[in-house]
N, C-alpha and C. Protein backbone atom coordinates (compact mmCIF):
# COMPACT_ATOMS: atom_id res chain seq x y z
N MET A 1 18.32 -3.51 -52.42
CA MET A 1 17.83 -4.47 -51.08
C MET A 1 16.92 -3.70 -50.35
N LEU A 2 16.01 -4.28 -49.59
CA LEU A 2 15.19 -4.03 -48.82
C LEU A 2 16.12 -3.34 -47.49
N ASP A 3 15.61 -2.40 -46.81
CA ASP A 3 16.06 -2.04 -45.57
C ASP A 3 15.12 -2.78 -44.24
N ASN A 4 15.61 -3.62 -43.94
CA ASN A 4 15.55 -4.55 -42.39
C ASN A 4 16.70 -4.91 -41.90
N ARG A 5 16.59 -5.34 -40.76
CA ARG A 5 17.27 -5.50 -40.12
C ARG A 5 18.33 -6.90 -40.50
N VAL A 6 17.86 -7.49 -40.96
CA VAL A 6 18.50 -8.75 -42.00
C VAL A 6 19.54 -8.43 -43.04
N ALA A 7 18.76 -7.93 -44.25
CA ALA A 7 19.03 -7.19 -45.34
C ALA A 7 20.56 -6.42 -45.16
N ARG A 8 20.36 -5.26 -43.96
CA ARG A 8 21.26 -4.25 -44.11
C ARG A 8 22.87 -5.13 -43.49
N ASN A 9 22.82 -6.09 -43.12
CA ASN A 9 23.97 -6.60 -42.81
C ASN A 9 24.34 -7.86 -43.93
N LEU A 10 23.89 -7.78 -44.94
CA LEU A 10 24.22 -8.78 -45.87
C LEU A 10 25.13 -7.66 -46.78
N PRO A 11 26.27 -8.88 -47.58
CA PRO A 11 27.43 -7.98 -48.46
C PRO A 11 26.46 -7.51 -49.85
N ASP A 12 26.72 -6.26 -50.70
CA ASP A 12 26.14 -5.88 -51.52
C ASP A 12 25.71 -6.89 -52.80
N ILE A 13 26.63 -8.01 -52.74
CA ILE A 13 26.14 -8.79 -53.96
C ILE A 13 24.73 -9.62 -53.68
N TYR A 14 24.08 -9.75 -52.89
CA TYR A 14 22.85 -9.84 -52.53
C TYR A 14 22.03 -8.88 -52.74
N ASP A 15 22.27 -8.18 -52.92
CA ASP A 15 21.33 -6.64 -53.86
C ASP A 15 20.40 -6.76 -55.21
N GLY A 16 19.29 -6.74 -55.12
CA GLY A 16 18.38 -6.81 -56.33
C GLY A 16 18.03 -8.46 -55.98
N ILE A 17 18.15 -9.36 -55.93
CA ILE A 17 18.26 -10.79 -55.74
C ILE A 17 16.62 -11.06 -54.75
N LYS A 18 15.78 -11.43 -55.85
CA LYS A 18 14.21 -11.25 -55.17
C LYS A 18 14.28 -12.50 -54.09
N GLU A 19 14.78 -13.43 -54.60
CA GLU A 19 14.33 -14.56 -53.22
C GLU A 19 15.27 -14.10 -52.02
N THR A 20 16.70 -13.26 -52.16
CA THR A 20 17.27 -12.73 -51.00
C THR A 20 16.29 -11.69 -50.12
N ASP A 21 15.68 -10.91 -51.11
CA ASP A 21 14.55 -10.19 -50.39
C ASP A 21 13.48 -10.65 -49.75
N GLU A 22 13.04 -11.57 -50.15
CA GLU A 22 11.87 -12.40 -49.59
C GLU A 22 12.41 -12.76 -48.28
N LEU A 23 13.32 -13.93 -48.23
CA LEU A 23 14.24 -14.41 -47.38
C LEU A 23 14.44 -13.54 -46.13
N THR A 24 14.97 -12.15 -46.29
CA THR A 24 15.54 -11.61 -45.49
C THR A 24 14.31 -10.69 -44.82
N GLU A 25 12.99 -10.37 -45.52
CA GLU A 25 12.07 -9.79 -44.93
C GLU A 25 11.38 -10.73 -43.97
N THR A 26 11.04 -12.12 -44.54
CA THR A 26 10.80 -12.95 -43.69
C THR A 26 11.22 -13.51 -42.39
N VAL A 27 12.58 -13.40 -42.02
CA VAL A 27 13.74 -13.47 -41.52
C VAL A 27 13.29 -12.36 -40.36
N ALA A 28 13.48 -11.14 -40.60
CA ALA A 28 13.05 -9.67 -40.12
C ALA A 28 11.89 -9.74 -39.11
N VAL A 29 10.99 -10.55 -39.76
CA VAL A 29 9.19 -10.80 -38.82
C VAL A 29 9.88 -11.58 -38.29
N GLU A 30 10.32 -12.53 -38.17
CA GLU A 30 10.54 -13.80 -37.08
C GLU A 30 11.56 -13.39 -35.66
N LEU A 31 12.55 -12.27 -36.35
CA LEU A 31 13.45 -12.34 -35.19
C LEU A 31 12.16 -10.70 -34.35
N ASP A 32 11.82 -9.86 -34.74
CA ASP A 32 11.26 -9.24 -34.70
C ASP A 32 10.30 -9.73 -33.42
N ASN A 33 9.17 -10.76 -33.75
CA ASN A 33 8.32 -11.73 -33.02
C ASN A 33 9.28 -12.28 -31.95
N LEU A 34 10.25 -12.66 -31.96
CA LEU A 34 11.23 -13.40 -31.08
C LEU A 34 11.50 -12.20 -29.64
N ASP A 35 12.02 -11.27 -30.33
CA ASP A 35 12.23 -10.25 -29.36
C ASP A 35 11.02 -9.77 -28.81
N VAL A 36 9.98 -9.86 -28.93
CA VAL A 36 8.73 -9.47 -28.49
C VAL A 36 8.68 -10.45 -27.24
N ALA A 37 8.86 -11.86 -27.63
CA ALA A 37 8.62 -13.03 -27.00
C ALA A 37 9.63 -12.94 -25.74
N ARG A 38 10.72 -12.77 -25.90
CA ARG A 38 11.99 -12.32 -24.90
C ARG A 38 11.41 -11.34 -23.78
N LYS A 39 11.29 -10.35 -24.38
CA LYS A 39 11.04 -9.55 -23.37
C LYS A 39 10.04 -10.01 -22.74
N GLN A 40 8.87 -10.23 -23.40
CA GLN A 40 7.47 -10.80 -22.45
C GLN A 40 8.15 -11.86 -21.50
N VAL A 41 8.55 -12.52 -21.66
CA VAL A 41 9.22 -13.86 -20.83
C VAL A 41 10.23 -13.07 -19.58
N GLU A 42 10.90 -12.06 -19.89
CA GLU A 42 11.68 -11.46 -18.82
C GLU A 42 10.58 -10.46 -18.02
N ILE A 43 9.44 -10.19 -18.56
CA ILE A 43 8.71 -9.14 -17.45
C ILE A 43 7.82 -10.27 -16.48
N GLU A 44 7.68 -11.46 -17.07
CA GLU A 44 6.71 -12.50 -16.15
C GLU A 44 7.40 -13.10 -14.92
N GLN A 45 8.63 -12.81 -15.52
CA GLN A 45 9.65 -13.07 -14.19
C GLN A 45 9.73 -12.59 -13.21
N PHE A 46 9.17 -11.27 -12.93
CA PHE A 46 9.33 -10.71 -11.93
C PHE A 46 7.71 -10.43 -11.38
N ILE A 47 7.49 -10.47 -10.32
CA ILE A 47 5.80 -10.43 -9.34
C ILE A 47 5.52 -9.03 -9.68
N MET A 48 6.63 -7.57 -9.44
CA MET A 48 5.54 -6.45 -9.86
C MET A 48 5.38 -6.05 -11.10
N THR A 49 5.95 -6.81 -12.23
CA THR A 49 5.92 -6.49 -13.72
C THR A 49 4.67 -7.38 -14.39
N ALA A 50 4.76 -8.96 -13.74
CA ALA A 50 3.96 -10.05 -14.36
C ALA A 50 2.42 -9.77 -14.50
N SER A 51 1.40 -10.56 -15.47
CA SER A 51 0.59 -9.96 -15.61
C SER A 51 -0.20 -11.17 -14.46
N GLU A 52 -1.35 -10.56 -15.00
CA GLU A 52 -2.25 -11.46 -14.57
C GLU A 52 -2.69 -12.87 -14.29
N LYS A 53 -2.33 -13.50 -15.25
CA LYS A 53 -2.39 -14.80 -15.53
C LYS A 53 -1.29 -15.37 -14.63
N PHE A 54 -0.23 -14.70 -14.73
CA PHE A 54 0.88 -15.47 -14.30
C PHE A 54 1.14 -15.32 -12.82
N LEU A 55 0.41 -14.51 -12.31
CA LEU A 55 0.24 -14.01 -11.12
C LEU A 55 -0.55 -15.29 -10.43
N ARG A 56 -1.51 -15.54 -11.14
CA ARG A 56 -2.54 -16.35 -10.70
C ARG A 56 -1.83 -17.87 -10.58
N LEU A 57 -0.76 -18.17 -11.24
CA LEU A 57 0.02 -19.27 -11.43
C LEU A 57 1.08 -19.02 -9.90
N ARG A 58 1.35 -18.28 -10.00
CA ARG A 58 2.11 -17.90 -8.76
C ARG A 58 1.46 -18.03 -7.12
N GLU A 59 0.04 -17.70 -7.29
CA GLU A 59 -0.48 -17.94 -6.09
C GLU A 59 -1.16 -19.11 -5.72
N ARG A 60 -0.92 -19.93 -6.86
CA ARG A 60 -1.47 -21.08 -6.77
C ARG A 60 -0.18 -22.03 -5.84
N GLY A 61 1.00 -21.74 -6.43
CA GLY A 61 1.88 -22.14 -5.27
C GLY A 61 2.08 -22.29 -4.01
N TYR A 62 1.20 -21.12 -3.57
CA TYR A 62 1.00 -20.81 -2.20
C TYR A 62 -0.53 -21.14 -1.42
N ASP A 63 -1.17 -21.67 -2.60
CA ASP A 63 -2.45 -22.18 -2.37
C ASP A 63 -3.28 -20.60 -1.59
N ILE A 64 -3.08 -19.58 -2.75
CA ILE A 64 -3.69 -18.63 -2.31
C ILE A 64 -4.85 -18.46 -3.39
N LEU A 65 -6.10 -18.14 -2.51
CA LEU A 65 -6.97 -18.19 -3.69
C LEU A 65 -7.68 -16.23 -3.61
N ALA A 66 -7.26 -15.87 -4.97
CA ALA A 66 -7.21 -14.37 -4.77
C ALA A 66 -8.76 -14.33 -5.63
N ASP A 67 -9.28 -13.29 -5.27
CA ASP A 67 -10.54 -12.47 -5.37
C ASP A 67 -10.49 -11.22 -6.55
N PRO A 68 -10.37 -11.54 -7.40
CA PRO A 68 -10.19 -10.04 -8.06
C PRO A 68 -11.21 -9.00 -8.35
N THR A 69 -12.28 -9.41 -7.58
CA THR A 69 -13.34 -8.42 -7.31
C THR A 69 -13.27 -7.50 -5.96
N THR A 70 -12.41 -7.60 -5.18
CA THR A 70 -12.01 -7.01 -4.33
C THR A 70 -10.27 -6.96 -3.96
N GLU A 71 -9.86 -7.76 -4.28
CA GLU A 71 -8.16 -7.39 -4.37
C GLU A 71 -7.46 -6.84 -5.73
N SER A 72 -6.56 -5.78 -5.45
CA SER A 72 -6.38 -5.32 -6.41
C SER A 72 -4.96 -5.90 -6.94
N LEU A 73 -4.30 -5.75 -8.10
CA LEU A 73 -2.99 -6.37 -8.69
C LEU A 73 -1.79 -5.91 -7.75
N ASP A 74 -2.20 -4.42 -7.59
CA ASP A 74 -0.89 -4.04 -6.31
C ASP A 74 -1.05 -4.99 -5.19
N PHE A 75 -2.31 -5.17 -4.83
CA PHE A 75 -2.27 -5.56 -3.40
C PHE A 75 -1.70 -7.32 -3.39
N ARG A 76 -2.06 -7.89 -4.59
CA ARG A 76 -2.14 -9.36 -4.61
C ARG A 76 -0.23 -9.65 -4.87
N ARG A 77 0.21 -8.27 -5.76
CA ARG A 77 2.06 -8.84 -5.78
C ARG A 77 2.29 -8.46 -4.37
N ARG A 78 2.21 -7.42 -3.79
CA ARG A 78 2.80 -7.61 -2.57
C ARG A 78 2.44 -8.49 -1.53
N ARG A 79 1.47 -9.08 -1.74
CA ARG A 79 1.21 -10.32 -0.87
C ARG A 79 2.28 -11.70 -1.12
N LEU A 80 2.45 -11.58 -2.59
CA LEU A 80 3.25 -12.80 -3.33
C LEU A 80 4.76 -12.38 -2.47
N ILE A 81 4.87 -11.07 -2.66
CA ILE A 81 6.50 -10.57 -2.24
C ILE A 81 6.58 -10.90 -0.62
N VAL A 82 5.87 -10.67 -0.23
CA VAL A 82 5.91 -11.08 1.67
C VAL A 82 6.02 -12.80 1.51
N ARG A 83 5.00 -13.72 0.87
CA ARG A 83 4.78 -14.94 0.88
C ARG A 83 6.62 -15.11 0.73
N GLN A 84 6.93 -15.08 -0.59
CA GLN A 84 8.44 -15.48 -0.56
C GLN A 84 9.59 -15.11 0.37
N SER A 85 8.77 -13.98 1.00
CA SER A 85 10.15 -13.06 1.86
C SER A 85 10.38 -13.75 2.90
N THR A 86 9.38 -14.54 3.89
CA THR A 86 9.25 -15.26 4.87
C THR A 86 9.75 -16.40 4.83
N ARG A 87 11.18 -16.29 5.74
CA ARG A 87 11.83 -17.51 5.84
C ARG A 87 11.85 -17.40 7.63
N LEU A 88 12.05 -18.73 8.14
CA LEU A 88 12.06 -19.43 9.96
C LEU A 88 13.55 -19.54 9.97
N PRO A 89 13.92 -18.99 11.03
CA PRO A 89 13.32 -17.90 12.10
C PRO A 89 13.77 -16.37 11.52
N VAL A 90 13.01 -15.60 11.67
CA VAL A 90 13.48 -14.40 11.38
C VAL A 90 13.64 -13.06 12.74
N THR A 91 14.35 -12.31 12.26
CA THR A 91 14.39 -11.54 13.50
C THR A 91 13.57 -10.15 13.27
N GLN A 92 13.27 -9.60 14.30
CA GLN A 92 12.41 -8.45 14.98
C GLN A 92 12.31 -7.58 13.67
N ARG A 93 13.29 -6.80 13.44
CA ARG A 93 13.90 -6.04 12.29
C ARG A 93 13.06 -6.66 10.62
N LYS A 94 13.70 -8.10 10.48
CA LYS A 94 12.95 -8.62 9.57
C LYS A 94 11.11 -8.91 9.03
N VAL A 95 11.01 -8.54 10.56
CA VAL A 95 9.24 -9.03 10.46
C VAL A 95 8.65 -7.42 10.62
N HIS A 96 9.43 -6.49 10.75
CA HIS A 96 8.80 -5.19 10.49
C HIS A 96 8.89 -4.66 8.91
N GLU A 97 9.97 -5.20 8.62
CA GLU A 97 10.43 -5.17 7.10
C GLU A 97 9.34 -5.65 5.90
N ILE A 98 8.68 -7.17 6.82
CA ILE A 98 7.79 -7.94 5.97
C ILE A 98 6.46 -7.07 5.87
N LEU A 99 5.76 -6.62 7.11
CA LEU A 99 4.93 -5.84 7.51
C LEU A 99 4.59 -4.70 6.71
N THR A 100 6.06 -3.95 6.37
CA THR A 100 6.26 -2.50 6.04
C THR A 100 5.73 -2.96 4.09
N GLU A 101 6.48 -3.90 3.86
CA GLU A 101 6.21 -4.51 2.38
C GLU A 101 4.70 -4.77 2.18
N LEU A 102 3.60 -5.32 3.00
CA LEU A 102 2.23 -5.66 2.70
C LEU A 102 1.69 -4.47 3.17
N VAL A 103 2.13 -3.65 4.10
CA VAL A 103 0.79 -2.73 4.42
C VAL A 103 1.68 -0.75 4.23
N GLY A 104 2.52 -0.91 3.88
CA GLY A 104 2.82 0.32 3.98
C GLY A 104 4.13 0.67 5.14
N HIS A 105 4.79 1.85 4.69
CA HIS A 105 5.51 1.91 5.91
C HIS A 105 5.07 2.99 6.95
N SER A 106 3.48 3.66 6.78
CA SER A 106 3.33 4.60 8.06
C SER A 106 1.75 4.35 8.10
N ASN A 107 1.66 2.80 7.65
CA ASN A 107 -0.22 2.45 7.87
C ASN A 107 -0.06 0.97 9.08
N PHE A 108 1.25 1.31 10.07
CA PHE A 108 0.91 0.87 11.31
C PHE A 108 2.12 1.01 12.36
N GLU A 109 1.87 0.92 13.52
CA GLU A 109 2.65 1.49 14.56
C GLU A 109 3.33 0.09 15.28
N GLU A 110 4.46 -0.04 15.50
CA GLU A 110 5.52 -0.96 16.59
C GLU A 110 5.94 -0.60 17.85
N TYR A 111 5.17 -1.46 18.71
CA TYR A 111 5.86 -1.07 20.15
C TYR A 111 6.85 -2.74 20.82
N LEU A 112 7.95 -1.78 20.74
CA LEU A 112 8.86 -2.80 21.39
C LEU A 112 9.48 -2.83 22.63
N ASP A 113 9.19 -3.68 23.47
CA ASP A 113 9.77 -4.29 24.58
C ASP A 113 10.69 -5.37 25.02
N ALA A 114 11.66 -4.62 24.60
CA ALA A 114 12.82 -5.66 24.76
C ALA A 114 12.94 -6.25 25.90
N GLU A 115 13.00 -6.03 27.13
CA GLU A 115 13.16 -6.70 28.33
C GLU A 115 12.32 -7.87 28.77
N ILE A 116 11.13 -7.67 28.04
CA ILE A 116 10.35 -8.75 28.28
C ILE A 116 10.03 -9.69 26.81
N CYS A 117 10.77 -9.01 26.00
CA CYS A 117 11.02 -9.83 24.30
C CYS A 117 9.39 -9.68 23.32
N THR A 118 8.86 -8.75 23.55
CA THR A 118 7.40 -8.66 23.11
C THR A 118 7.73 -7.33 22.19
N THR A 119 6.64 -7.69 20.78
CA THR A 119 6.82 -6.61 19.70
C THR A 119 5.20 -6.63 19.69
N THR A 120 4.31 -5.43 19.96
CA THR A 120 3.22 -5.45 19.26
C THR A 120 3.01 -4.26 18.55
N PHE A 121 1.96 -5.04 17.27
CA PHE A 121 1.86 -4.07 15.99
C PHE A 121 0.51 -3.92 16.22
N VAL A 122 0.14 -2.36 15.91
CA VAL A 122 -1.17 -1.82 15.90
C VAL A 122 -1.35 -1.34 14.22
N PHE A 123 -2.49 -2.07 14.21
CA PHE A 123 -3.23 -1.75 13.02
C PHE A 123 -4.45 -1.03 12.94
N ASP A 124 -4.62 -0.67 11.73
CA ASP A 124 -6.41 0.01 11.43
C ASP A 124 -7.11 -1.34 11.20
N ALA A 125 -8.38 -1.50 11.73
CA ALA A 125 -8.91 -2.10 11.59
C ALA A 125 -10.05 -1.96 10.32
N THR A 126 -9.66 -1.73 8.88
CA THR A 126 -10.35 -1.28 7.95
C THR A 126 -10.84 -2.18 7.00
N ASP A 127 -9.74 -2.48 6.52
CA ASP A 127 -9.85 -3.51 5.11
C ASP A 127 -10.03 -4.82 5.69
N ALA A 128 -10.90 -5.92 5.32
CA ALA A 128 -11.14 -6.98 5.78
C ALA A 128 -10.07 -8.07 5.32
N THR A 129 -9.75 -7.48 3.99
CA THR A 129 -8.88 -8.47 3.24
C THR A 129 -7.67 -7.93 3.94
N LEU A 130 -7.20 -7.17 3.78
CA LEU A 130 -5.65 -6.70 4.48
C LEU A 130 -5.62 -7.47 5.91
N ASN A 131 -6.56 -7.23 6.50
CA ASN A 131 -6.55 -7.48 8.22
C ASN A 131 -6.33 -9.47 7.95
N ARG A 132 -7.01 -10.02 7.13
CA ARG A 132 -6.83 -11.69 7.25
C ARG A 132 -5.40 -11.78 6.71
N GLU A 133 -4.62 -11.36 6.14
CA GLU A 133 -3.50 -11.18 4.94
C GLU A 133 -2.61 -11.36 6.41
N ILE A 134 -2.87 -9.58 7.15
CA ILE A 134 -1.87 -9.79 8.17
C ILE A 134 -1.55 -10.64 9.23
N ASP A 135 -2.56 -11.16 9.67
CA ASP A 135 -3.04 -12.45 10.81
C ASP A 135 -2.17 -13.49 9.85
N LEU A 136 -2.54 -14.12 9.08
CA LEU A 136 -1.56 -15.22 7.99
C LEU A 136 -0.52 -15.21 7.97
N THR A 137 0.12 -14.04 7.45
CA THR A 137 1.43 -13.61 7.73
C THR A 137 2.19 -13.91 9.11
N LEU A 138 1.48 -13.50 9.79
CA LEU A 138 2.07 -13.15 11.44
C LEU A 138 2.09 -14.49 11.82
N GLU A 139 0.99 -15.40 11.52
CA GLU A 139 1.07 -16.52 12.18
C GLU A 139 1.92 -17.87 11.44
N GLN A 140 2.51 -17.26 10.21
CA GLN A 140 3.55 -18.36 9.69
C GLN A 140 5.06 -17.80 9.63
N ILE A 141 5.19 -16.87 10.66
CA ILE A 141 6.32 -15.97 10.95
C ILE A 141 6.98 -16.85 12.39
N ILE A 142 8.01 -17.02 12.83
CA ILE A 142 8.42 -17.60 13.97
C ILE A 142 9.32 -16.67 14.07
N PRO A 143 9.15 -15.69 14.82
CA PRO A 143 10.27 -14.71 15.21
C PRO A 143 11.47 -15.14 16.07
N LEU A 144 12.89 -14.50 15.90
CA LEU A 144 13.93 -15.15 16.79
C LEU A 144 13.74 -14.30 18.77
N ASN A 145 13.51 -14.99 19.46
CA ASN A 145 13.35 -14.97 20.55
C ASN A 145 12.50 -14.04 20.80
N MET A 146 11.03 -13.52 19.76
CA MET A 146 10.13 -12.75 20.31
C MET A 146 9.03 -13.33 19.79
N ASP A 147 8.20 -12.39 21.00
CA ASP A 147 6.87 -12.63 21.33
C ASP A 147 6.21 -11.53 20.53
N LEU A 148 5.44 -11.94 19.33
CA LEU A 148 4.78 -11.19 18.52
C LEU A 148 2.88 -11.16 19.01
N LYS A 149 2.57 -9.88 18.74
CA LYS A 149 1.16 -9.38 19.39
C LYS A 149 0.59 -8.71 18.85
N VAL A 150 -0.80 -8.89 18.07
CA VAL A 150 -1.46 -7.59 17.29
C VAL A 150 -2.95 -6.88 17.61
N ALA A 151 -2.58 -5.88 17.63
CA ALA A 151 -3.61 -4.84 18.02
C ALA A 151 -4.65 -4.64 16.77
N ARG A 152 -5.61 -3.85 16.95
CA ARG A 152 -6.63 -3.39 15.74
C ARG A 152 -6.93 -1.99 16.55
N ARG A 153 -7.04 -1.08 16.04
CA ARG A 153 -7.57 0.03 16.09
C ARG A 153 -8.69 0.46 15.08
N LEU A 154 -9.64 1.43 15.88
CA LEU A 154 -10.70 1.73 15.47
C LEU A 154 -11.30 3.26 15.84
N MET A 155 -11.34 4.09 14.52
CA MET A 155 -11.43 5.09 14.65
C MET A 155 -13.21 5.61 14.95
N THR A 156 -13.46 6.31 16.08
CA THR A 156 -15.08 6.23 15.68
C THR A 156 -15.22 8.09 16.39
N ASN A 157 -16.53 8.49 16.24
CA ASN A 157 -16.52 9.88 16.33
C ASN A 157 -17.61 9.77 17.38
N LEU A 158 -17.43 11.28 18.15
CA LEU A 158 -18.29 11.24 19.61
C LEU A 158 -18.85 12.70 19.30
N PHE A 159 -20.34 12.50 19.61
CA PHE A 159 -20.93 13.71 19.14
C PHE A 159 -21.29 14.26 20.64
N LEU A 160 -20.80 15.34 21.43
CA LEU A 160 -21.27 15.82 23.07
C LEU A 160 -21.96 16.72 22.57
N PRO A 161 -23.45 16.81 23.49
CA PRO A 161 -24.22 18.06 23.95
C PRO A 161 -23.67 19.17 24.27
N SER A 162 -24.44 20.29 23.96
CA SER A 162 -23.49 21.28 23.68
C SER A 162 -24.77 22.62 23.61
N TYR A 163 -24.50 23.80 24.06
CA TYR A 163 -25.40 25.13 24.08
C TYR A 163 -24.88 26.27 24.09
N LEU A 164 -25.50 27.11 23.76
CA LEU A 164 -25.13 28.69 23.29
C LEU A 164 -25.45 29.69 24.30
N SER A 165 -24.53 30.01 24.79
CA SER A 165 -24.64 30.95 25.76
C SER A 165 -24.05 32.37 25.35
N THR A 166 -24.84 33.54 25.72
CA THR A 166 -24.81 35.13 25.41
C THR A 166 -24.49 35.48 26.19
N GLY A 167 -23.93 36.51 26.60
CA GLY A 167 -23.88 37.37 27.76
C GLY A 167 -23.22 38.95 27.49
N SER A 168 -23.91 39.86 28.17
CA SER A 168 -23.40 41.26 27.48
C SER A 168 -22.78 41.98 28.98
N GLU A 169 -22.04 43.16 28.64
CA GLU A 169 -21.88 43.82 30.06
C GLU A 169 -21.43 45.03 29.55
N ILE A 170 -22.65 46.36 29.99
CA ILE A 170 -23.02 47.73 29.54
C ILE A 170 -22.62 48.75 30.74
N THR A 171 -21.49 49.70 30.48
CA THR A 171 -20.94 50.45 31.61
C THR A 171 -21.60 52.26 30.92
N LEU A 172 -22.12 52.76 32.04
CA LEU A 172 -22.87 53.80 31.58
C LEU A 172 -22.39 54.98 32.56
N TYR A 173 -21.78 56.16 31.94
CA TYR A 173 -20.74 56.97 32.87
C TYR A 173 -21.77 57.96 33.00
N PRO A 174 -21.74 58.73 34.05
CA PRO A 174 -22.77 59.79 34.67
C PRO A 174 -23.10 60.81 33.47
N MET A 175 -24.03 61.61 33.89
CA MET A 175 -24.41 62.18 32.57
C MET A 175 -23.91 63.70 32.46
N ASN A 176 -22.89 63.88 33.27
CA ASN A 176 -22.07 65.39 33.02
C ASN A 176 -21.20 65.20 31.54
N ILE A 177 -21.00 63.96 31.71
CA ILE A 177 -19.67 63.67 30.59
C ILE A 177 -20.92 63.41 29.01
N ASP A 178 -19.91 64.07 28.30
CA ASP A 178 -20.62 64.51 26.82
C ASP A 178 -20.73 62.97 25.92
N ASN A 179 -19.50 62.54 25.97
CA ASN A 179 -19.45 61.33 25.29
C ASN A 179 -19.86 59.80 26.28
N LEU A 180 -20.88 59.26 25.97
CA LEU A 180 -21.29 58.00 26.43
C LEU A 180 -20.65 56.90 25.74
N GLU A 181 -20.24 56.13 26.78
CA GLU A 181 -19.44 54.76 25.68
C GLU A 181 -20.23 53.55 26.79
N SER A 182 -20.43 52.43 25.67
CA SER A 182 -20.67 51.51 26.11
C SER A 182 -19.60 49.93 25.56
N TYR A 183 -19.31 48.96 26.77
CA TYR A 183 -18.49 48.17 26.52
C TYR A 183 -19.26 46.73 26.38
N THR A 184 -19.04 46.41 25.29
CA THR A 184 -19.88 44.53 25.36
C THR A 184 -19.00 43.89 25.30
N GLN A 185 -19.23 42.97 25.85
CA GLN A 185 -18.43 41.48 26.27
C GLN A 185 -19.21 40.11 26.03
N SER A 186 -18.72 39.32 25.06
CA SER A 186 -20.00 38.70 24.66
C SER A 186 -18.88 37.17 24.57
N ASN A 187 -19.41 36.05 25.25
CA ASN A 187 -18.93 34.54 24.87
C ASN A 187 -19.90 33.99 24.61
N SER A 188 -19.48 32.99 23.68
CA SER A 188 -20.06 31.60 23.30
C SER A 188 -19.58 30.64 23.08
N LEU A 189 -20.42 29.54 23.59
CA LEU A 189 -20.22 28.13 23.18
C LEU A 189 -20.75 27.44 22.17
N VAL A 190 -20.27 26.96 21.42
CA VAL A 190 -20.84 26.16 19.81
C VAL A 190 -20.75 24.15 20.04
N GLY A 191 -21.27 23.78 19.33
CA GLY A 191 -21.56 22.53 19.32
C GLY A 191 -19.81 21.79 18.97
N VAL A 192 -19.42 20.71 19.79
CA VAL A 192 -18.00 20.21 19.75
C VAL A 192 -18.35 18.91 19.15
N GLN A 193 -17.42 18.61 18.12
CA GLN A 193 -17.43 17.05 17.55
C GLN A 193 -16.10 16.92 17.33
N THR A 194 -15.63 15.79 18.35
CA THR A 194 -14.39 15.51 18.70
C THR A 194 -14.27 13.83 18.26
N ALA A 195 -12.82 13.15 17.83
CA ALA A 195 -12.63 11.80 17.22
C ALA A 195 -11.36 11.29 18.46
N SER A 196 -12.29 10.02 18.74
CA SER A 196 -11.60 9.32 19.65
C SER A 196 -10.91 7.93 18.95
N THR A 197 -9.70 7.41 19.61
CA THR A 197 -9.20 6.15 18.85
C THR A 197 -9.70 5.30 20.25
N ILE A 198 -9.80 3.92 19.67
CA ILE A 198 -10.13 2.58 20.75
C ILE A 198 -8.82 1.65 20.18
N THR A 199 -8.08 1.25 20.71
CA THR A 199 -7.35 0.48 20.24
C THR A 199 -7.58 -1.15 20.95
N LEU A 200 -8.09 -2.09 20.33
CA LEU A 200 -7.82 -3.43 20.55
C LEU A 200 -6.89 -4.33 20.91
N THR A 201 -6.70 -4.66 22.07
CA THR A 201 -5.46 -5.60 22.01
C THR A 201 -5.73 -7.22 22.65
N PRO A 202 -4.84 -7.67 22.24
CA PRO A 202 -4.87 -9.19 22.86
C PRO A 202 -5.02 -9.50 23.97
N PHE A 203 -5.89 -10.31 24.34
CA PHE A 203 -5.91 -11.01 25.97
C PHE A 203 -4.19 -11.78 26.03
């Protein structure tokens, strides 16, 4: 009898029967294909493992027009998770979790003023696609008793003029001293390059 997943479960009475061998071989192939299809269905059920084809189907449900040339699959998956996670109204902590899922834990700063119920989020103004998604996400969120503000942070380099200055001091002892010693002190100032951070806050 053939050694396949169907034949090995049949009693010995079917051993050596050509028709049985052919049938078990055919059914074993179909069962293998069915397992592959079932596994693929399971993969497509989750956003983080779904293929690009099924991501497009999910994006249509949220009216998202993705641009594969500029948006990575990882970003598109995170964007879909954020869209599905947004429920109204939400707490300030939930807003923080949503933004963390979208941009990462260390890619923004949050300043909470509990007295006046205001939260300001500061992001790096670098990726235009990510910035648009941040604005769209916050526009759809209605936080619970909290006013949301967004600020963009720009990193710039400043070059300051400088000069090079060198000075020397020499001390001479009287001639009756056998060993003449000299003491030299030099001070130098070289070019300076500094970086500054500019934060644009809303009006």
